[in-house]
Amino acid sequence: MLVYGLVAAILFVVTFLSTKGRISPPAQQKNTGITGFKRFDPELTLEDSFFIIMMTISLRAITGTFYFKYYVERADLMAALLWPT
């Protein structure tokens, strides 16, 4: 998992650094922090989606571990939960 995480982090950084905006705002337009959040930003949407997906995977693994270990009392079934089929 550490190797996959490092590879993903490197690819995200490379993608971030190689991405350039195509549309530049007019010179008279003032961009403040609040107006930046009000507009649609595909990069932020992608980051939000990635964050939500990673949180659901992590929460599923954490709660499933406790469920099988303490409620079902069969720790051997955790592998079936964590390994997608």
PDB file of N, CA and C in Angstrom:
ATOM      1  N   MET A   1       0.826  -1.188   0.000  1.00  0.00           N
ATOM      2  CA  MET A   1       0.000   0.000   0.000  1.00  0.00           C
ATOM      3  C   MET A   1       0.871   1.252   0.000  1.00  0.00           C
ATOM      4  N   LEU A   2       1.993   1.177   0.678  1.00  0.00           N
ATOM      5  CA  LEU A   2       2.892   2.329   0.714  1.00  0.00           C
ATOM      6  C   LEU A   2       3.417   2.644  -0.684  1.00  0.00           C
ATOM      7  N   VAL A   3       3.768   1.614  -1.434  1.00  0.00           N
ATOM      8  CA  VAL A   3       4.274   1.817  -2.795  1.00  0.00           C
ATOM      9  C   VAL A   3       3.178   2.430  -3.664  1.00  0.00           C
ATOM     10  N   TYR A   4       1.957   1.898  -3.585  1.00  0.00           N
ATOM     11  CA  TYR A   4       0.847   2.460  -4.363  1.00  0.00           C
ATOM     12  C   TYR A   4       0.572   3.904  -3.973  1.00  0.00           C
ATOM     13  N   GLY A   5       0.646   4.193  -2.673  1.00  0.00           N
ATOM     14  CA  GLY A   5       0.428   5.558  -2.213  1.00  0.00           C
ATOM     15  C   GLY A   5       1.484   6.513  -2.736  1.00  0.00           C
ATOM     16  N   LEU A   6       2.745   6.079  -2.711  1.00  0.00           N
ATOM     17  CA  LEU A   6       3.823   6.933  -3.219  1.00  0.00           C
ATOM     18  C   LEU A   6       3.698   7.161  -4.723  1.00  0.00           C
ATOM     19  N   VAL A   7       3.389   6.099  -5.458  1.00  0.00           N
ATOM     20  CA  VAL A   7       3.210   6.236  -6.904  1.00  0.00           C
ATOM     21  C   VAL A   7       2.045   7.180  -7.207  1.00  0.00           C
ATOM     22  N   ALA A   8       0.938   7.035  -6.482  1.00  0.00           N
ATOM     23  CA  ALA A   8      -0.210   7.916  -6.685  1.00  0.00           C
ATOM     24  C   ALA A   8       0.149   9.358  -6.353  1.00  0.00           C
ATOM     25  N   ALA A   9       0.872   9.580  -5.262  1.00  0.00           N
ATOM     26  CA  ALA A   9       1.259  10.944  -4.877  1.00  0.00           C
ATOM     27  C   ALA A   9       2.151  11.569  -5.939  1.00  0.00           C
ATOM     28  N   ILE A  10       3.097  10.800  -6.456  1.00  0.00           N
ATOM     29  CA  ILE A  10       3.990  11.321  -7.497  1.00  0.00           C
ATOM     30  C   ILE A  10       3.199  11.669  -8.751  1.00  0.00           C
ATOM     31  N   LEU A  11       2.276  10.796  -9.138  1.00  0.00           N
ATOM     32  CA  LEU A  11       1.469  11.068 -10.331  1.00  0.00           C
ATOM     33  C   LEU A  11       0.552  12.277 -10.137  1.00  0.00           C
ATOM     34  N   PHE A  12       0.006  12.450  -8.930  1.00  0.00           N
ATOM     35  CA  PHE A  12      -0.816  13.635  -8.666  1.00  0.00           C
ATOM     36  C   PHE A  12       0.014  14.914  -8.760  1.00  0.00           C
ATOM     37  N   VAL A  13       1.233  14.887  -8.232  1.00  0.00           N
ATOM     38  CA  VAL A  13       2.083  16.069  -8.299  1.00  0.00           C
ATOM     39  C   VAL A  13       2.461  16.382  -9.741  1.00  0.00           C
ATOM     40  N   VAL A  14       2.821  15.358 -10.505  1.00  0.00           N
ATOM     41  CA  VAL A  14       3.170  15.559 -11.915  1.00  0.00           C
ATOM     42  C   VAL A  14       1.973  16.119 -12.680  1.00  0.00           C
ATOM     43  N   THR A  15       0.800  15.567 -12.433  1.00  0.00           N
ATOM     44  CA  THR A  15      -0.405  16.067 -13.106  1.00  0.00           C
ATOM     45  C   THR A  15      -0.684  17.503 -12.717  1.00  0.00           C
ATOM     46  N   PHE A  16      -0.559  17.822 -11.426  1.00  0.00           N
ATOM     47  CA  PHE A  16      -0.798  19.187 -10.969  1.00  0.00           C
ATOM     48  C   PHE A  16       0.172  20.170 -11.611  1.00  0.00           C
ATOM     49  N   LEU A  17       1.457  19.812 -11.652  1.00  0.00           N
ATOM     50  CA  LEU A  17       2.453  20.726 -12.200  1.00  0.00           C
ATOM     51  C   LEU A  17       2.370  20.862 -13.716  1.00  0.00           C
ATOM     52  N   SER A  18       1.852  19.859 -14.405  1.00  0.00           N
ATOM     53  CA  SER A  18       1.785  19.932 -15.863  1.00  0.00           C
ATOM     54  C   SER A  18       0.452  20.460 -16.377  1.00  0.00           C
ATOM     55  N   THR A  19      -0.480  20.776 -15.481  1.00  0.00           N
ATOM     56  CA  THR A  19      -1.784  21.287 -15.894  1.00  0.00           C
ATOM     57  C   THR A  19      -1.755  22.802 -15.914  1.00  0.00           C
ATOM     58  N   LYS A  20      -2.271  23.380 -16.994  1.00  0.00           N
ATOM     59  CA  LYS A  20      -2.321  24.836 -17.108  1.00  0.00           C
ATOM     60  C   LYS A  20      -3.752  25.245 -17.467  1.00  0.00           C
ATOM     61  N   GLY A  21      -4.175  26.359 -16.906  1.00  0.00           N
ATOM     62  CA  GLY A  21      -5.508  26.875 -17.218  1.00  0.00           C
ATOM     63  C   GLY A  21      -5.540  27.453 -18.621  1.00  0.00           C
ATOM     64  N   ARG A  22      -6.617  27.259 -19.317  1.00  0.00           N
ATOM     65  CA  ARG A  22      -6.733  27.762 -20.686  1.00  0.00           C
ATOM     66  C   ARG A  22      -7.388  29.138 -20.737  1.00  0.00           C
ATOM     67  N   ILE A  23      -8.207  29.422 -19.751  1.00  0.00           N
ATOM     68  CA  ILE A  23      -8.947  30.677 -19.758  1.00  0.00           C
ATOM     69  C   ILE A  23      -8.400  31.556 -18.642  1.00  0.00           C
ATOM     70  N   SER A  24      -7.976  32.752 -18.987  1.00  0.00           N
ATOM     71  CA  SER A  24      -7.511  33.671 -17.957  1.00  0.00           C
ATOM     72  C   SER A  24      -8.575  34.746 -17.746  1.00  0.00           C
ATOM     73  N   PRO A  25      -8.787  35.153 -16.499  1.00  0.00           N
ATOM     74  CA  PRO A  25      -9.815  36.143 -16.217  1.00  0.00           C
ATOM     75  C   PRO A  25      -9.428  37.509 -16.774  1.00  0.00           C
ATOM     76  N   PRO A  26     -10.413  38.361 -17.026  1.00  0.00           N
ATOM     77  CA  PRO A  26     -10.107  39.724 -17.495  1.00  0.00           C
ATOM     78  C   PRO A  26      -9.251  40.466 -16.465  1.00  0.00           C
ATOM     79  N   ALA A  27      -8.474  41.424 -16.931  1.00  0.00           N
ATOM     80  CA  ALA A  27      -7.542  42.142 -16.060  1.00  0.00           C
ATOM     81  C   ALA A  27      -8.269  42.929 -14.977  1.00  0.00           C
ATOM     82  N   GLN A  28      -9.470  43.449 -15.266  1.00  0.00           N
ATOM     83  CA  GLN A  28     -10.194  44.259 -14.291  1.00  0.00           C
ATOM     84  C   GLN A  28     -10.928  43.410 -13.249  1.00  0.00           C
ATOM     85  N   GLN A  29     -11.012  42.112 -13.436  1.00  0.00           N
ATOM     86  CA  GLN A  29     -11.702  41.242 -12.483  1.00  0.00           C
ATOM     87  C   GLN A  29     -10.816  40.997 -11.273  1.00  0.00           C
ATOM     88  N   LYS A  30     -11.393  41.176 -10.091  1.00  0.00           N
ATOM     89  CA  LYS A  30     -10.659  40.929  -8.858  1.00  0.00           C
ATOM     90  C   LYS A  30     -11.047  39.564  -8.318  1.00  0.00           C
ATOM     91  N   ASN A  31     -10.072  38.748  -8.055  1.00  0.00           N
ATOM     92  CA  ASN A  31     -10.318  37.418  -7.500  1.00  0.00           C
ATOM     93  C   ASN A  31      -9.916  37.412  -6.034  1.00  0.00           C
ATOM     94  N   THR A  32     -10.880  37.199  -5.181  1.00  0.00           N
ATOM     95  CA  THR A  32     -10.587  37.059  -3.761  1.00  0.00           C
ATOM     96  C   THR A  32     -10.776  35.599  -3.386  1.00  0.00           C
ATOM     97  N   GLY A  33     -10.467  35.248  -2.162  1.00  0.00           N
ATOM     98  CA  GLY A  33     -10.617  33.873  -1.711  1.00  0.00           C
ATOM     99  C   GLY A  33     -12.048  33.392  -1.768  1.00  0.00           C
ATOM    100  N   ILE A  34     -13.007  34.267  -1.474  1.00  0.00           N
ATOM    101  CA  ILE A  34     -14.419  33.881  -1.466  1.00  0.00           C
ATOM    102  C   ILE A  34     -14.922  33.636  -2.883  1.00  0.00           C
ATOM    103  N   THR A  35     -14.571  34.486  -3.833  1.00  0.00           N
ATOM    104  CA  THR A  35     -15.055  34.284  -5.200  1.00  0.00           C
ATOM    105  C   THR A  35     -14.434  33.046  -5.834  1.00  0.00           C
ATOM    106  N   GLY A  36     -13.246  32.664  -5.379  1.00  0.00           N
ATOM    107  CA  GLY A  36     -12.637  31.449  -5.903  1.00  0.00           C
ATOM    108  C   GLY A  36     -13.429  30.210  -5.534  1.00  0.00           C
ATOM    109  N   PHE A  37     -14.065  30.217  -4.368  1.00  0.00           N
ATOM    110  CA  PHE A  37     -14.866  29.072  -3.953  1.00  0.00           C
ATOM    111  C   PHE A  37     -16.232  29.052  -4.609  1.00  0.00           C
ATOM    112  N   LYS A  38     -16.703  30.173  -5.103  1.00  0.00           N
ATOM    113  CA  LYS A  38     -18.044  30.244  -5.692  1.00  0.00           C
ATOM    114  C   LYS A  38     -18.073  29.722  -7.123  1.00  0.00           C
ATOM    115  N   ARG A  39     -16.946  29.702  -7.784  1.00  0.00           N
ATOM    116  CA  ARG A  39     -16.939  29.264  -9.179  1.00  0.00           C
ATOM    117  C   ARG A  39     -16.674  27.756  -9.268  1.00  0.00           C
ATOM    118  N   PHE A  40     -17.042  27.184 -10.392  1.00  0.00           N
ATOM    119  CA  PHE A  40     -16.821  25.762 -10.633  1.00  0.00           C
ATOM    120  C   PHE A  40     -15.365  25.552 -11.000  1.00  0.00           C
ATOM    121  N   ASP A  41     -14.704  24.650 -10.313  1.00  0.00           N
ATOM    122  CA  ASP A  41     -13.304  24.377 -10.572  1.00  0.00           C
ATOM    123  C   ASP A  41     -13.125  22.867 -10.735  1.00  0.00           C
ATOM    124  N   PRO A  42     -12.859  22.392 -11.945  1.00  0.00           N
ATOM    125  CA  PRO A  42     -12.758  20.942 -12.176  1.00  0.00           C
ATOM    126  C   PRO A  42     -11.666  20.270 -11.340  1.00  0.00           C
ATOM    127  N   GLU A  43     -10.552  20.974 -11.113  1.00  0.00           N
ATOM    128  CA  GLU A  43      -9.483  20.365 -10.318  1.00  0.00           C
ATOM    129  C   GLU A  43      -9.934  20.149  -8.881  1.00  0.00           C
ATOM    130  N   LEU A  44     -10.643  21.122  -8.317  1.00  0.00           N
ATOM    131  CA  LEU A  44     -11.146  20.964  -6.954  1.00  0.00           C
ATOM    132  C   LEU A  44     -12.188  19.858  -6.885  1.00  0.00           C
ATOM    133  N   THR A  45     -13.015  19.750  -7.908  1.00  0.00           N
ATOM    134  CA  THR A  45     -14.013  18.689  -7.941  1.00  0.00           C
ATOM    135  C   THR A  45     -13.333  17.322  -7.975  1.00  0.00           C
ATOM    136  N   LEU A  46     -12.283  17.191  -8.746  1.00  0.00           N
ATOM    137  CA  LEU A  46     -11.536  15.940  -8.812  1.00  0.00           C
ATOM    138  C   LEU A  46     -10.889  15.623  -7.469  1.00  0.00           C
ATOM    139  N   GLU A  47     -10.305  16.629  -6.839  1.00  0.00           N
ATOM    140  CA  GLU A  47      -9.684  16.417  -5.535  1.00  0.00           C
ATOM    141  C   GLU A  47     -10.720  16.036  -4.479  1.00  0.00           C
ATOM    142  N   ASP A  48     -11.883  16.693  -4.517  1.00  0.00           N
ATOM    143  CA  ASP A  48     -12.946  16.371  -3.565  1.00  0.00           C
ATOM    144  C   ASP A  48     -13.429  14.940  -3.760  1.00  0.00           C
ATOM    145  N   SER A  49     -13.595  14.538  -5.017  1.00  0.00           N
ATOM    146  CA  SER A  49     -14.039  13.175  -5.310  1.00  0.00           C
ATOM    147  C   SER A  49     -13.016  12.157  -4.817  1.00  0.00           C
ATOM    148  N   PHE A  50     -11.749  12.423  -5.052  1.00  0.00           N
ATOM    149  CA  PHE A  50     -10.695  11.524  -4.586  1.00  0.00           C
ATOM    150  C   PHE A  50     -10.719  11.418  -3.065  1.00  0.00           C
ATOM    151  N   PHE A  51     -10.867  12.556  -2.399  1.00  0.00           N
ATOM    152  CA  PHE A  51     -10.891  12.566  -0.934  1.00  0.00           C
ATOM    153  C   PHE A  51     -12.076  11.760  -0.401  1.00  0.00           C
ATOM    154  N   ILE A  52     -13.245  11.939  -0.993  1.00  0.00           N
ATOM    155  CA  ILE A  52     -14.436  11.216  -0.535  1.00  0.00           C
ATOM    156  C   ILE A  52     -14.285   9.719  -0.757  1.00  0.00           C
ATOM    157  N   ILE A  53     -13.763   9.329  -1.910  1.00  0.00           N
ATOM    158  CA  ILE A  53     -13.575   7.912  -2.202  1.00  0.00           C
ATOM    159  C   ILE A  53     -12.579   7.283  -1.227  1.00  0.00           C
ATOM    160  N   MET A  54     -11.471   7.969  -0.969  1.00  0.00           N
ATOM    161  CA  MET A  54     -10.474   7.435  -0.040  1.00  0.00           C
ATOM    162  C   MET A  54     -11.027   7.355   1.379  1.00  0.00           C
ATOM    163  N   MET A  55     -11.838   8.322   1.775  1.00  0.00           N
ATOM    164  CA  MET A  55     -12.440   8.275   3.108  1.00  0.00           C
ATOM    165  C   MET A  55     -13.408   7.101   3.229  1.00  0.00           C
ATOM    166  N   THR A  56     -14.208   6.835   2.197  1.00  0.00           N
ATOM    167  CA  THR A  56     -15.145   5.720   2.284  1.00  0.00           C
ATOM    168  C   THR A  56     -14.408   4.384   2.324  1.00  0.00           C
ATOM    169  N   ILE A  57     -13.337   4.256   1.558  1.00  0.00           N
ATOM    170  CA  ILE A  57     -12.557   3.019   1.594  1.00  0.00           C
ATOM    171  C   ILE A  57     -11.936   2.827   2.975  1.00  0.00           C
ATOM    172  N   SER A  58     -11.373   3.900   3.531  1.00  0.00           N
ATOM    173  CA  SER A  58     -10.744   3.805   4.848  1.00  0.00           C
ATOM    174  C   SER A  58     -11.771   3.502   5.935  1.00  0.00           C
ATOM    175  N   LEU A  59     -12.899   4.182   5.898  1.00  0.00           N
ATOM    176  CA  LEU A  59     -13.925   3.946   6.912  1.00  0.00           C
ATOM    177  C   LEU A  59     -14.494   2.535   6.821  1.00  0.00           C
ATOM    178  N   ARG A  60     -14.646   2.037   5.610  1.00  0.00           N
ATOM    179  CA  ARG A  60     -15.140   0.669   5.443  1.00  0.00           C
ATOM    180  C   ARG A  60     -14.155  -0.331   6.038  1.00  0.00           C
ATOM    181  N   ALA A  61     -12.872  -0.111   5.801  1.00  0.00           N
ATOM    182  CA  ALA A  61     -11.861  -1.023   6.340  1.00  0.00           C
ATOM    183  C   ALA A  61     -11.808  -0.952   7.862  1.00  0.00           C
ATOM    184  N   ILE A  62     -11.885   0.262   8.399  1.00  0.00           N
ATOM    185  CA  ILE A  62     -11.796   0.417   9.855  1.00  0.00           C
ATOM    186  C   ILE A  62     -13.008  -0.190  10.547  1.00  0.00           C
ATOM    187  N   THR A  63     -14.201   0.162  10.090  1.00  0.00           N
ATOM    188  CA  THR A  63     -15.401  -0.349  10.753  1.00  0.00           C
ATOM    189  C   THR A  63     -15.570  -1.847  10.526  1.00  0.00           C
ATOM    190  N   GLY A  64     -15.197  -2.323   9.355  1.00  0.00           N
ATOM    191  CA  GLY A  64     -15.289  -3.755   9.088  1.00  0.00           C
ATOM    192  C   GLY A  64     -14.361  -4.566   9.966  1.00  0.00           C
ATOM    193  N   THR A  65     -13.179  -4.025  10.213  1.00  0.00           N
ATOM    194  CA  THR A  65     -12.225  -4.710  11.088  1.00  0.00           C
ATOM    195  C   THR A  65     -12.803  -4.880  12.489  1.00  0.00           C
ATOM    196  N   PHE A  66     -13.326  -3.797  13.039  1.00  0.00           N
ATOM    197  CA  PHE A  66     -13.916  -3.889  14.369  1.00  0.00           C
ATOM    198  C   PHE A  66     -15.155  -4.781  14.384  1.00  0.00           C
ATOM    199  N   TYR A  67     -15.960  -4.719  13.325  1.00  0.00           N
ATOM    200  CA  TYR A  67     -17.179  -5.533  13.251  1.00  0.00           C
ATOM    201  C   TYR A  67     -16.847  -7.017  13.305  1.00  0.00           C
ATOM    202  N   PHE A  68     -15.918  -7.446  12.450  1.00  0.00           N
ATOM    203  CA  PHE A  68     -15.588  -8.867  12.404  1.00  0.00           C
ATOM    204  C   PHE A  68     -14.816  -9.325  13.628  1.00  0.00           C
ATOM    205  N   LYS A  69     -13.990  -8.460  14.190  1.00  0.00           N
ATOM    206  CA  LYS A  69     -13.170  -8.875  15.329  1.00  0.00           C
ATOM    207  C   LYS A  69     -13.977  -8.941  16.625  1.00  0.00           C
ATOM    208  N   TYR A  70     -14.821  -7.950  16.880  1.00  0.00           N
ATOM    209  CA  TYR A  70     -15.492  -7.866  18.177  1.00  0.00           C
ATOM    210  C   TYR A  70     -16.963  -8.285  18.149  1.00  0.00           C
ATOM    211  N   TYR A  71     -17.673  -8.035  17.052  1.00  0.00           N
ATOM    212  CA  TYR A  71     -19.094  -8.368  17.009  1.00  0.00           C
ATOM    213  C   TYR A  71     -19.324  -9.796  16.512  1.00  0.00           C
ATOM    214  N   VAL A  72     -18.732 -10.128  15.392  1.00  0.00           N
ATOM    215  CA  VAL A  72     -18.878 -11.465  14.827  1.00  0.00           C
ATOM    216  C   VAL A  72     -17.916 -12.445  15.507  1.00  0.00           C
ATOM    217  N   GLU A  73     -16.820 -11.932  16.042  1.00  0.00           N
ATOM    218  CA  GLU A  73     -15.778 -12.718  16.693  1.00  0.00           C
ATOM    219  C   GLU A  73     -15.136 -13.728  15.742  1.00  0.00           C
ATOM    220  N   ARG A  74     -14.952 -13.294  14.512  1.00  0.00           N
ATOM    221  CA  ARG A  74     -14.274 -14.111  13.495  1.00  0.00           C
ATOM    222  C   ARG A  74     -13.322 -13.212  12.719  1.00  0.00           C
ATOM    223  N   ALA A  75     -12.144 -13.039  13.261  1.00  0.00           N
ATOM    224  CA  ALA A  75     -11.158 -12.159  12.634  1.00  0.00           C
ATOM    225  C   ALA A  75     -10.683 -12.694  11.289  1.00  0.00           C
ATOM    226  N   ASP A  76     -10.857 -13.995  11.048  1.00  0.00           N
ATOM    227  CA  ASP A  76     -10.419 -14.579   9.781  1.00  0.00           C
ATOM    228  C   ASP A  76     -11.254 -14.092   8.596  1.00  0.00           C
ATOM    229  N   LEU A  77     -12.432 -13.534   8.835  1.00  0.00           N
ATOM    230  CA  LEU A  77     -13.277 -13.040   7.736  1.00  0.00           C
ATOM    231  C   LEU A  77     -12.902 -11.637   7.270  1.00  0.00           C
ATOM    232  N   MET A  78     -11.977 -10.985   7.967  1.00  0.00           N
ATOM    233  CA  MET A  78     -11.586  -9.626   7.567  1.00  0.00           C
ATOM    234  C   MET A  78     -10.947  -9.603   6.187  1.00  0.00           C
ATOM    235  N   ALA A  79     -10.235 -10.639   5.836  1.00  0.00           N
ATOM    236  CA  ALA A  79      -9.589 -10.684   4.515  1.00  0.00           C
ATOM    237  C   ALA A  79     -10.631 -10.672   3.406  1.00  0.00           C
ATOM    238  N   ALA A  80     -11.746 -11.336   3.597  1.00  0.00           N
ATOM    239  CA  ALA A  80     -12.803 -11.349   2.595  1.00  0.00           C
ATOM    240  C   ALA A  80     -13.425  -9.965   2.436  1.00  0.00           C
ATOM    241  N   LEU A  81     -13.487  -9.212   3.524  1.00  0.00           N
ATOM    242  CA  LEU A  81     -14.036  -7.854   3.443  1.00  0.00           C
ATOM    243  C   LEU A  81     -13.082  -6.911   2.736  1.00  0.00           C
ATOM    244  N   LEU A  82     -11.799  -7.003   3.051  1.00  0.00           N
ATOM    245  CA  LEU A  82     -10.839  -6.045   2.544  1.00  0.00           C
ATOM    246  C   LEU A  82     -10.353  -6.356   1.130  1.00  0.00           C
ATOM    247  N   TRP A  83     -10.444  -7.596   0.719  1.00  0.00           N
ATOM    248  CA  TRP A  83      -9.986  -7.974  -0.625  1.00  0.00           C
ATOM    249  C   TRP A  83     -11.168  -7.975  -1.578  1.00  0.00           C
ATOM    250  N   PRO A  84     -11.200  -7.051  -2.570  1.00  0.00           N
ATOM    251  CA  PRO A  84     -12.339  -7.009  -3.503  1.00  0.00           C
ATOM    252  C   PRO A  84     -12.359  -8.225  -4.411  1.00  0.00           C
ATOM    253  N   THR A  85     -13.542  -8.728  -4.662  1.00  0.00           N
ATOM    254  CA  THR A  85     -13.673  -9.900  -5.540  1.00  0.00           C
ATOM    255  C   THR A  85     -14.317  -9.542  -6.846  1.00  0.00           C
TER     256      THR A  85
END
